[in-house]
N, C-alpha and C. Protein backbone atom coordinates (compact mmCIF):
# COMPACT_ATOMS: atom_id res chain seq x y z
N UNK A 1 -50.57 41.58 35.55
CA UNK A 1 -50.81 40.49 34.63
C UNK A 1 -50.03 40.69 33.33
N UNK A 2 -49.93 41.92 32.87
CA UNK A 2 -49.18 42.19 31.65
C UNK A 2 -47.70 41.87 31.87
N UNK A 3 -47.21 42.18 33.05
CA UNK A 3 -45.81 41.92 33.31
C UNK A 3 -45.49 40.41 33.27
N UNK A 4 -46.43 39.55 33.69
CA UNK A 4 -46.22 38.11 33.60
C UNK A 4 -46.11 37.65 32.14
N UNK A 5 -46.96 38.25 31.26
CA UNK A 5 -46.87 37.89 29.83
C UNK A 5 -45.52 38.31 29.25
N UNK A 6 -45.05 39.46 29.66
CA UNK A 6 -43.75 39.94 29.17
C UNK A 6 -42.64 39.01 29.66
N UNK A 7 -42.72 38.63 30.95
CA UNK A 7 -41.71 37.72 31.49
C UNK A 7 -41.75 36.38 30.77
N UNK A 8 -42.97 35.85 30.55
CA UNK A 8 -43.09 34.58 29.83
C UNK A 8 -42.56 34.70 28.41
N UNK A 9 -42.84 35.82 27.77
CA UNK A 9 -42.36 36.05 26.41
C UNK A 9 -40.83 36.12 26.40
N UNK A 10 -40.26 36.81 27.37
CA UNK A 10 -38.80 36.90 27.46
C UNK A 10 -38.19 35.53 27.72
N UNK A 11 -38.80 34.76 28.60
CA UNK A 11 -38.31 33.40 28.89
C UNK A 11 -38.38 32.54 27.64
N UNK A 12 -39.48 32.70 26.91
CA UNK A 12 -39.64 31.92 25.69
C UNK A 12 -38.55 32.30 24.67
N UNK A 13 -38.29 33.61 24.53
CA UNK A 13 -37.25 34.06 23.59
C UNK A 13 -35.87 33.56 24.00
N UNK A 14 -35.58 33.58 25.30
CA UNK A 14 -34.30 33.07 25.79
C UNK A 14 -34.19 31.58 25.51
N UNK A 15 -35.28 30.84 25.71
CA UNK A 15 -35.28 29.41 25.44
C UNK A 15 -35.05 29.15 23.94
N UNK A 16 -35.69 29.93 23.07
CA UNK A 16 -35.50 29.77 21.63
C UNK A 16 -34.04 30.02 21.25
N UNK A 17 -33.45 31.08 21.82
CA UNK A 17 -32.05 31.39 21.52
C UNK A 17 -31.12 30.28 22.01
N UNK A 18 -31.42 29.74 23.19
CA UNK A 18 -30.60 28.66 23.74
C UNK A 18 -30.66 27.43 22.84
N UNK A 19 -31.86 27.08 22.41
CA UNK A 19 -32.02 25.93 21.51
C UNK A 19 -31.29 26.17 20.20
N UNK A 20 -31.44 27.39 19.64
CA UNK A 20 -30.78 27.72 18.38
C UNK A 20 -29.26 27.61 18.53
N UNK A 21 -28.71 28.18 19.59
CA UNK A 21 -27.27 28.12 19.81
C UNK A 21 -26.78 26.69 20.02
N UNK A 22 -27.60 25.88 20.69
CA UNK A 22 -27.24 24.47 20.89
C UNK A 22 -27.18 23.74 19.56
N UNK A 23 -28.13 24.02 18.69
CA UNK A 23 -28.14 23.38 17.36
C UNK A 23 -26.92 23.82 16.55
N UNK A 24 -26.60 25.11 16.60
CA UNK A 24 -25.42 25.61 15.88
C UNK A 24 -24.15 24.96 16.42
N UNK A 25 -24.04 24.87 17.75
CA UNK A 25 -22.85 24.25 18.36
C UNK A 25 -22.74 22.79 17.95
N UNK A 26 -23.86 22.07 17.94
CA UNK A 26 -23.86 20.67 17.53
C UNK A 26 -23.43 20.54 16.07
N UNK A 27 -23.92 21.41 15.22
CA UNK A 27 -23.52 21.40 13.81
C UNK A 27 -22.03 21.64 13.63
N UNK A 28 -21.49 22.57 14.41
CA UNK A 28 -20.05 22.84 14.33
C UNK A 28 -19.25 21.65 14.82
N UNK A 29 -19.73 21.01 15.89
CA UNK A 29 -19.04 19.83 16.42
C UNK A 29 -19.04 18.71 15.39
N UNK A 30 -20.20 18.44 14.79
CA UNK A 30 -20.27 17.38 13.79
C UNK A 30 -19.44 17.74 12.57
N UNK A 31 -19.41 18.99 12.19
CA UNK A 31 -18.61 19.43 11.05
C UNK A 31 -17.13 19.26 11.31
N UNK A 32 -16.71 19.42 12.56
CA UNK A 32 -15.30 19.26 12.88
C UNK A 32 -14.88 17.80 12.89
N UNK A 33 -15.84 16.88 12.88
CA UNK A 33 -15.55 15.46 12.85
C UNK A 33 -15.46 14.94 11.42
N UNK A 34 -15.36 15.84 10.45
CA UNK A 34 -15.31 15.45 9.05
C UNK A 34 -14.11 14.55 8.81
N UNK A 35 -14.21 13.75 7.77
CA UNK A 35 -13.16 12.81 7.47
C UNK A 35 -11.94 13.53 6.91
N UNK A 36 -10.77 12.96 7.10
CA UNK A 36 -9.53 13.51 6.60
C UNK A 36 -9.17 12.75 5.33
N UNK A 37 -9.20 13.44 4.20
CA UNK A 37 -8.89 12.81 2.92
C UNK A 37 -7.61 13.35 2.31
N UNK A 38 -6.80 14.02 3.13
CA UNK A 38 -5.54 14.55 2.61
C UNK A 38 -4.44 13.52 2.79
N UNK A 39 -3.26 13.87 2.33
CA UNK A 39 -2.12 12.97 2.46
C UNK A 39 -1.69 12.42 1.12
N UNK A 40 -0.73 11.51 1.18
CA UNK A 40 -0.15 10.90 -0.01
C UNK A 40 -0.65 9.45 -0.10
N UNK A 41 -0.98 9.03 -1.30
CA UNK A 41 -1.45 7.65 -1.49
C UNK A 41 -0.36 6.67 -1.03
N UNK A 42 -0.78 5.72 -0.21
CA UNK A 42 0.16 4.74 0.35
C UNK A 42 0.37 3.60 -0.64
N UNK A 43 1.42 2.81 -0.38
CA UNK A 43 1.70 1.62 -1.20
C UNK A 43 0.88 0.46 -0.67
N UNK A 44 -0.13 0.06 -1.45
CA UNK A 44 -1.02 -1.03 -1.03
C UNK A 44 -1.64 -1.67 -2.27
N UNK A 45 -2.22 -2.85 -2.07
CA UNK A 45 -3.04 -3.49 -3.11
C UNK A 45 -4.12 -4.32 -2.41
N UNK A 46 -5.16 -4.57 -3.14
CA UNK A 46 -6.31 -5.28 -2.58
C UNK A 46 -5.99 -6.76 -2.38
N UNK A 47 -6.46 -7.32 -1.27
CA UNK A 47 -6.34 -8.76 -1.02
C UNK A 47 -7.58 -9.43 -1.61
N UNK A 48 -7.36 -10.37 -2.48
CA UNK A 48 -8.48 -11.03 -3.19
C UNK A 48 -8.53 -12.51 -2.87
N UNK A 49 -9.71 -13.07 -3.06
CA UNK A 49 -9.98 -14.50 -2.96
C UNK A 49 -9.76 -15.06 -1.55
N UNK A 50 -10.30 -14.34 -0.58
CA UNK A 50 -10.34 -14.79 0.81
C UNK A 50 -11.78 -14.72 1.30
N UNK A 51 -12.05 -15.37 2.40
CA UNK A 51 -13.34 -15.27 3.08
C UNK A 51 -13.07 -15.18 4.58
N UNK A 52 -14.04 -14.67 5.33
CA UNK A 52 -13.91 -14.58 6.78
C UNK A 52 -14.28 -15.95 7.36
N UNK A 53 -13.40 -16.49 8.19
CA UNK A 53 -13.65 -17.80 8.79
C UNK A 53 -14.94 -17.80 9.62
N UNK A 54 -15.66 -18.93 9.56
CA UNK A 54 -16.93 -19.04 10.30
C UNK A 54 -16.75 -18.94 11.80
N UNK A 55 -15.59 -19.32 12.32
CA UNK A 55 -15.38 -19.28 13.77
C UNK A 55 -14.87 -17.91 14.25
N UNK A 56 -14.69 -16.96 13.33
CA UNK A 56 -14.30 -15.61 13.73
C UNK A 56 -15.53 -14.91 14.30
N UNK A 57 -15.40 -14.23 15.45
CA UNK A 57 -16.57 -13.64 16.11
C UNK A 57 -17.36 -12.69 15.20
N UNK A 58 -18.68 -12.77 15.30
CA UNK A 58 -19.55 -11.88 14.53
C UNK A 58 -19.42 -10.47 15.08
N UNK A 59 -19.76 -9.50 14.27
CA UNK A 59 -19.69 -8.10 14.68
C UNK A 59 -18.83 -7.32 13.71
N UNK A 60 -18.68 -6.04 14.00
CA UNK A 60 -17.84 -5.17 13.18
C UNK A 60 -16.42 -5.19 13.74
N UNK A 61 -15.47 -5.40 12.85
CA UNK A 61 -14.06 -5.46 13.25
C UNK A 61 -13.24 -4.59 12.31
N UNK A 62 -12.36 -3.79 12.88
CA UNK A 62 -11.40 -2.99 12.12
C UNK A 62 -10.03 -3.46 12.56
N UNK A 63 -9.31 -4.12 11.65
CA UNK A 63 -8.11 -4.86 12.03
C UNK A 63 -6.87 -4.40 11.30
N UNK A 64 -5.76 -4.44 12.02
CA UNK A 64 -4.42 -4.34 11.44
C UNK A 64 -3.75 -5.66 11.80
N UNK A 65 -3.45 -6.47 10.79
CA UNK A 65 -2.91 -7.81 11.01
C UNK A 65 -1.44 -7.82 10.62
N UNK A 66 -0.60 -8.19 11.58
CA UNK A 66 0.85 -8.09 11.42
C UNK A 66 1.55 -9.41 11.11
N UNK A 67 0.85 -10.56 11.28
CA UNK A 67 1.54 -11.85 11.07
C UNK A 67 0.60 -12.89 10.50
N UNK A 68 1.18 -13.96 9.96
CA UNK A 68 0.43 -15.01 9.28
C UNK A 68 -0.52 -15.73 10.22
N UNK A 69 -0.09 -15.98 11.44
CA UNK A 69 -0.92 -16.71 12.39
C UNK A 69 -2.22 -15.95 12.67
N UNK A 70 -2.14 -14.65 12.92
CA UNK A 70 -3.35 -13.85 13.16
C UNK A 70 -4.21 -13.79 11.90
N UNK A 71 -3.55 -13.67 10.75
CA UNK A 71 -4.29 -13.61 9.49
C UNK A 71 -5.09 -14.90 9.28
N UNK A 72 -4.47 -16.05 9.54
CA UNK A 72 -5.14 -17.34 9.36
C UNK A 72 -6.29 -17.54 10.34
N UNK A 73 -6.25 -16.87 11.49
CA UNK A 73 -7.36 -16.95 12.44
C UNK A 73 -8.59 -16.21 11.91
N UNK A 74 -8.37 -15.20 11.06
CA UNK A 74 -9.46 -14.37 10.55
C UNK A 74 -9.93 -14.85 9.19
N UNK A 75 -9.01 -15.13 8.28
CA UNK A 75 -9.35 -15.39 6.88
C UNK A 75 -8.98 -16.81 6.44
N UNK A 76 -9.79 -17.32 5.52
CA UNK A 76 -9.50 -18.57 4.83
C UNK A 76 -9.32 -18.28 3.35
N UNK A 77 -8.60 -19.15 2.67
CA UNK A 77 -8.38 -18.97 1.24
C UNK A 77 -9.60 -19.43 0.46
N UNK A 78 -9.97 -18.63 -0.53
CA UNK A 78 -11.12 -18.95 -1.37
C UNK A 78 -10.74 -18.92 -2.84
N UNK A 79 -9.83 -19.80 -3.22
CA UNK A 79 -9.38 -19.84 -4.62
C UNK A 79 -10.54 -20.16 -5.54
N UNK A 80 -10.49 -19.57 -6.73
CA UNK A 80 -11.52 -19.82 -7.75
C UNK A 80 -10.82 -20.19 -9.06
N UNK A 81 -11.58 -20.74 -9.97
CA UNK A 81 -11.03 -21.13 -11.27
C UNK A 81 -10.74 -19.89 -12.10
N UNK A 82 -9.83 -20.04 -13.02
CA UNK A 82 -9.56 -18.97 -13.98
C UNK A 82 -8.40 -18.09 -13.59
N UNK A 83 -8.20 -17.11 -14.46
CA UNK A 83 -7.11 -16.17 -14.30
C UNK A 83 -7.30 -15.38 -13.00
N UNK A 84 -6.23 -15.15 -12.28
CA UNK A 84 -6.26 -14.42 -11.01
C UNK A 84 -7.15 -15.08 -9.96
N UNK A 85 -7.25 -16.40 -10.01
CA UNK A 85 -8.11 -17.12 -9.08
C UNK A 85 -7.46 -17.50 -7.77
N UNK A 86 -6.14 -17.35 -7.68
CA UNK A 86 -5.45 -17.70 -6.44
C UNK A 86 -5.53 -16.53 -5.44
N UNK A 87 -5.57 -16.84 -4.14
CA UNK A 87 -5.57 -15.78 -3.13
C UNK A 87 -4.30 -14.94 -3.21
N UNK A 88 -4.44 -13.66 -2.92
CA UNK A 88 -3.31 -12.74 -2.89
C UNK A 88 -2.31 -13.21 -1.84
N UNK A 89 -1.06 -13.29 -2.23
CA UNK A 89 -0.01 -13.68 -1.28
C UNK A 89 0.40 -12.48 -0.43
N UNK A 90 0.63 -12.73 0.85
CA UNK A 90 1.07 -11.69 1.77
C UNK A 90 2.39 -12.13 2.39
N UNK A 91 3.41 -11.31 2.25
CA UNK A 91 4.71 -11.56 2.87
C UNK A 91 4.79 -10.67 4.11
N UNK A 92 4.49 -11.26 5.27
CA UNK A 92 4.40 -10.47 6.49
C UNK A 92 5.74 -9.91 6.97
N UNK A 93 6.84 -10.32 6.36
CA UNK A 93 8.12 -9.69 6.68
C UNK A 93 8.17 -8.27 6.10
N UNK A 94 7.46 -8.07 4.97
CA UNK A 94 7.52 -6.80 4.26
C UNK A 94 6.16 -6.12 4.15
N UNK A 95 5.11 -6.78 4.63
CA UNK A 95 3.75 -6.25 4.45
C UNK A 95 2.90 -6.52 5.69
N UNK A 96 1.79 -5.81 5.79
CA UNK A 96 0.76 -6.09 6.79
C UNK A 96 -0.59 -5.90 6.13
N UNK A 97 -1.65 -6.33 6.81
CA UNK A 97 -2.99 -6.30 6.23
C UNK A 97 -3.88 -5.38 7.07
N UNK A 98 -4.66 -4.57 6.38
CA UNK A 98 -5.68 -3.73 7.01
C UNK A 98 -7.02 -4.22 6.50
N UNK A 99 -7.96 -4.48 7.43
CA UNK A 99 -9.24 -5.05 7.03
C UNK A 99 -10.40 -4.45 7.83
N UNK A 100 -11.55 -4.40 7.18
CA UNK A 100 -12.82 -4.05 7.83
C UNK A 100 -13.77 -5.20 7.57
N UNK A 101 -14.35 -5.72 8.65
CA UNK A 101 -15.29 -6.84 8.55
C UNK A 101 -16.59 -6.40 9.21
N UNK A 102 -17.69 -6.67 8.54
CA UNK A 102 -19.01 -6.32 9.07
C UNK A 102 -19.72 -7.56 9.60
N UNK A 103 -20.79 -7.38 10.36
CA UNK A 103 -21.54 -8.53 10.86
C UNK A 103 -22.22 -9.30 9.72
N UNK A 104 -22.57 -10.54 10.01
CA UNK A 104 -23.30 -11.36 9.04
C UNK A 104 -24.61 -10.65 8.72
N UNK A 105 -24.97 -10.63 7.44
CA UNK A 105 -26.19 -9.96 6.99
C UNK A 105 -26.83 -10.74 5.86
N UNK A 106 -28.12 -10.49 5.65
CA UNK A 106 -28.79 -11.08 4.49
C UNK A 106 -29.03 -10.01 3.42
N UNK A 107 -28.43 -8.85 3.56
CA UNK A 107 -28.53 -7.78 2.56
C UNK A 107 -27.29 -7.80 1.67
N UNK A 108 -27.51 -7.58 0.40
CA UNK A 108 -26.39 -7.47 -0.54
C UNK A 108 -25.55 -6.28 -0.08
N UNK A 109 -24.32 -6.52 0.38
CA UNK A 109 -23.49 -5.46 0.96
C UNK A 109 -22.09 -5.51 0.36
N UNK A 110 -21.59 -4.35 0.01
CA UNK A 110 -20.25 -4.23 -0.56
C UNK A 110 -19.48 -3.22 0.28
N UNK A 111 -18.26 -3.58 0.67
CA UNK A 111 -17.34 -2.62 1.29
C UNK A 111 -16.22 -2.41 0.28
N UNK A 112 -16.05 -1.18 -0.13
CA UNK A 112 -14.99 -0.86 -1.09
C UNK A 112 -13.94 0.01 -0.43
N UNK A 113 -12.69 -0.26 -0.68
CA UNK A 113 -11.61 0.60 -0.23
C UNK A 113 -11.62 1.82 -1.13
N UNK A 114 -11.84 2.99 -0.54
CA UNK A 114 -11.88 4.22 -1.32
C UNK A 114 -10.49 4.84 -1.43
N UNK A 115 -9.80 4.96 -0.30
CA UNK A 115 -8.47 5.57 -0.26
C UNK A 115 -7.63 4.94 0.84
N UNK A 116 -6.35 4.84 0.61
CA UNK A 116 -5.40 4.51 1.66
C UNK A 116 -4.30 5.54 1.52
N UNK A 117 -4.26 6.46 2.50
CA UNK A 117 -3.34 7.58 2.41
C UNK A 117 -2.49 7.71 3.66
N UNK A 118 -1.29 8.18 3.45
CA UNK A 118 -0.33 8.42 4.54
C UNK A 118 -0.31 9.92 4.82
N UNK A 119 -0.46 10.27 6.09
CA UNK A 119 -0.36 11.66 6.52
C UNK A 119 0.37 11.68 7.85
N UNK A 120 1.54 12.32 7.86
CA UNK A 120 2.40 12.34 9.05
C UNK A 120 2.73 10.91 9.45
N UNK A 121 2.45 10.53 10.68
CA UNK A 121 2.79 9.19 11.17
C UNK A 121 1.59 8.27 11.21
N UNK A 122 0.58 8.55 10.39
CA UNK A 122 -0.63 7.72 10.39
C UNK A 122 -1.00 7.29 8.98
N UNK A 123 -1.71 6.18 8.93
CA UNK A 123 -2.26 5.67 7.68
C UNK A 123 -3.78 5.82 7.79
N UNK A 124 -4.38 6.51 6.84
CA UNK A 124 -5.83 6.71 6.83
C UNK A 124 -6.45 5.74 5.83
N UNK A 125 -7.25 4.82 6.37
CA UNK A 125 -7.92 3.80 5.57
C UNK A 125 -9.38 4.22 5.42
N UNK A 126 -9.74 4.71 4.23
CA UNK A 126 -11.10 5.20 3.98
C UNK A 126 -11.85 4.17 3.14
N UNK A 127 -13.07 3.87 3.58
CA UNK A 127 -13.86 2.85 2.89
C UNK A 127 -15.32 3.29 2.77
N UNK A 128 -15.98 2.72 1.78
CA UNK A 128 -17.40 3.00 1.52
C UNK A 128 -18.18 1.71 1.72
N UNK A 129 -19.32 1.81 2.39
CA UNK A 129 -20.22 0.66 2.55
C UNK A 129 -21.50 0.96 1.78
N UNK A 130 -21.86 0.03 0.90
CA UNK A 130 -23.11 0.17 0.14
C UNK A 130 -23.96 -1.06 0.39
N UNK A 131 -25.21 -0.81 0.79
CA UNK A 131 -26.14 -1.90 1.05
C UNK A 131 -27.20 -1.93 -0.04
N UNK A 132 -27.57 -3.13 -0.43
CA UNK A 132 -28.59 -3.30 -1.45
C UNK A 132 -29.78 -4.06 -0.92
N UNK A 133 -30.37 -4.83 -1.77
CA UNK A 133 -31.60 -5.55 -1.46
C UNK A 133 -31.35 -6.76 -0.55
N UNK A 134 -32.42 -7.23 0.06
CA UNK A 134 -32.35 -8.43 0.89
C UNK A 134 -32.18 -9.65 -0.02
N UNK A 135 -31.48 -10.65 0.49
CA UNK A 135 -31.26 -11.89 -0.26
C UNK A 135 -31.80 -13.07 0.54
N UNK A 136 -31.78 -14.24 -0.06
CA UNK A 136 -32.22 -15.44 0.67
C UNK A 136 -31.01 -16.22 1.23
N UNK A 137 -29.88 -15.55 1.34
CA UNK A 137 -28.68 -16.15 1.92
C UNK A 137 -28.01 -15.10 2.81
N UNK A 138 -27.08 -15.54 3.62
CA UNK A 138 -26.35 -14.58 4.45
C UNK A 138 -24.90 -14.51 3.99
N UNK A 139 -24.28 -13.38 4.28
CA UNK A 139 -22.90 -13.15 3.86
C UNK A 139 -22.17 -12.40 4.96
N UNK A 140 -20.86 -12.40 4.89
CA UNK A 140 -20.01 -11.67 5.85
C UNK A 140 -19.19 -10.66 5.04
N UNK A 141 -19.69 -9.43 4.87
CA UNK A 141 -18.98 -8.45 4.05
C UNK A 141 -17.65 -8.05 4.69
N UNK A 142 -16.63 -7.87 3.85
CA UNK A 142 -15.33 -7.40 4.33
C UNK A 142 -14.54 -6.82 3.17
N UNK A 143 -13.55 -6.05 3.52
CA UNK A 143 -12.55 -5.62 2.57
C UNK A 143 -11.20 -5.72 3.27
N UNK A 144 -10.18 -6.01 2.50
CA UNK A 144 -8.83 -6.12 3.07
C UNK A 144 -7.82 -5.66 2.02
N UNK A 145 -6.80 -4.97 2.50
CA UNK A 145 -5.71 -4.54 1.63
C UNK A 145 -4.39 -4.95 2.25
N UNK A 146 -3.42 -5.17 1.37
CA UNK A 146 -2.06 -5.52 1.78
C UNK A 146 -1.23 -4.24 1.64
N UNK A 147 -0.58 -3.84 2.74
CA UNK A 147 0.15 -2.57 2.80
C UNK A 147 1.64 -2.85 3.03
N UNK A 148 2.49 -2.09 2.34
CA UNK A 148 3.93 -2.21 2.55
C UNK A 148 4.30 -1.78 3.97
N UNK A 149 5.24 -2.49 4.57
CA UNK A 149 5.66 -2.20 5.95
C UNK A 149 6.33 -0.83 6.10
N UNK A 150 6.77 -0.22 5.01
CA UNK A 150 7.37 1.11 5.14
C UNK A 150 6.31 2.18 5.37
N UNK A 151 5.05 1.81 5.29
CA UNK A 151 3.95 2.73 5.61
C UNK A 151 3.69 2.69 7.11
N UNK A 152 3.11 3.76 7.67
CA UNK A 152 2.82 3.77 9.11
C UNK A 152 1.85 2.66 9.52
N UNK A 153 2.09 2.08 10.68
CA UNK A 153 1.21 1.02 11.19
C UNK A 153 0.09 1.54 12.07
N UNK A 154 0.13 2.85 12.39
CA UNK A 154 -0.94 3.48 13.17
C UNK A 154 -2.05 3.84 12.18
N UNK A 155 -3.13 3.04 12.17
CA UNK A 155 -4.17 3.16 11.16
C UNK A 155 -5.41 3.84 11.73
N UNK A 156 -5.90 4.83 10.99
CA UNK A 156 -7.15 5.50 11.31
C UNK A 156 -8.18 5.01 10.29
N UNK A 157 -9.25 4.39 10.77
CA UNK A 157 -10.31 3.88 9.90
C UNK A 157 -11.36 4.96 9.72
N UNK A 158 -11.75 5.23 8.46
CA UNK A 158 -12.74 6.25 8.17
C UNK A 158 -13.79 5.72 7.21
N UNK A 159 -15.02 5.66 7.65
CA UNK A 159 -16.11 5.36 6.72
C UNK A 159 -16.45 6.66 6.02
N UNK A 160 -16.44 6.63 4.70
CA UNK A 160 -16.72 7.82 3.90
C UNK A 160 -17.88 7.54 2.96
N UNK A 161 -18.37 8.60 2.35
CA UNK A 161 -19.42 8.48 1.34
C UNK A 161 -18.87 8.99 0.01
N UNK A 162 -19.57 8.72 -1.05
CA UNK A 162 -19.17 9.26 -2.35
C UNK A 162 -19.17 10.79 -2.31
N UNK A 163 -20.12 11.35 -1.56
CA UNK A 163 -20.21 12.80 -1.43
C UNK A 163 -18.97 13.37 -0.73
N UNK A 164 -18.47 12.69 0.30
CA UNK A 164 -17.24 13.12 0.97
C UNK A 164 -16.09 13.22 -0.04
N UNK A 165 -15.99 12.20 -0.88
CA UNK A 165 -14.91 12.16 -1.86
C UNK A 165 -15.09 13.27 -2.90
N UNK A 166 -16.32 13.47 -3.36
CA UNK A 166 -16.57 14.52 -4.34
C UNK A 166 -16.24 15.89 -3.77
N UNK A 167 -16.63 16.14 -2.52
CA UNK A 167 -16.36 17.43 -1.89
C UNK A 167 -14.86 17.67 -1.73
N UNK A 168 -14.08 16.60 -1.60
CA UNK A 168 -12.63 16.72 -1.48
C UNK A 168 -11.96 16.76 -2.86
N UNK A 169 -12.76 16.69 -3.92
CA UNK A 169 -12.21 16.73 -5.27
C UNK A 169 -11.54 15.45 -5.70
N UNK A 170 -11.95 14.32 -5.10
CA UNK A 170 -11.36 13.03 -5.40
C UNK A 170 -12.31 12.24 -6.29
N UNK A 171 -11.80 11.75 -7.40
CA UNK A 171 -12.61 10.93 -8.29
C UNK A 171 -12.58 9.49 -7.80
N UNK A 172 -13.76 8.94 -7.59
CA UNK A 172 -13.88 7.55 -7.13
C UNK A 172 -14.63 6.77 -8.18
N UNK A 173 -14.02 5.70 -8.65
CA UNK A 173 -14.61 4.90 -9.72
C UNK A 173 -15.69 3.96 -9.24
N UNK A 174 -15.67 3.60 -7.97
CA UNK A 174 -16.71 2.72 -7.42
C UNK A 174 -16.30 1.27 -7.47
N UNK A 175 -17.27 0.37 -7.21
CA UNK A 175 -16.98 -1.06 -7.19
C UNK A 175 -16.47 -1.54 -8.55
N UNK A 176 -15.77 -2.65 -8.53
CA UNK A 176 -15.22 -3.18 -9.77
C UNK A 176 -16.34 -3.52 -10.74
N UNK A 177 -16.10 -3.39 -12.03
CA UNK A 177 -17.14 -3.66 -13.02
C UNK A 177 -17.65 -5.11 -12.98
N UNK A 178 -16.82 -6.03 -12.45
CA UNK A 178 -17.23 -7.43 -12.40
C UNK A 178 -18.31 -7.66 -11.34
N UNK A 179 -18.42 -6.75 -10.39
CA UNK A 179 -19.38 -6.91 -9.31
C UNK A 179 -20.75 -6.39 -9.76
N UNK A 180 -21.83 -7.14 -9.54
CA UNK A 180 -23.14 -6.66 -9.97
C UNK A 180 -23.56 -5.43 -9.18
N UNK A 181 -24.33 -4.53 -9.81
CA UNK A 181 -24.79 -3.33 -9.08
C UNK A 181 -25.74 -3.71 -7.98
N UNK A 182 -25.78 -2.90 -6.92
CA UNK A 182 -26.68 -3.14 -5.81
C UNK A 182 -28.04 -2.55 -6.08
């Protein structure tokens, strides 16, 4: 009978070690999936005063748009009064657009472009998503940037956090001051 307790105790210890090693392995795997924030800042600027067309399919979309026809299928112009109220012009002979679009939501949601960096033959598009309170209306959150064609067209999309940027030693200013806090 004592030998059965010893065997059960040994089995239990082996099981504990197996679970512990599995957790360590999972942690290492997740750690290796960390975002890449290295590289050189690419030539880009934010696309302003557009909206996602109502007939564009709902859901999350990560897009690289190479021509005006595809761009017009996704976005509509949303000109506003005042200085800088016209939509950003895109010359698709010399530029392309990188965009992230989220599903329709009733939560105050902001997608901010954190970094656009070139590393080897890839462009790393890093963005932050911040969700706020529920609203009585729905919105289609998105961000889009216009990138020079001399930058790589192979785009890697990376959702990052402010903590990711801080750990990489990158100062991030956050959403534009004109945007209300969430």
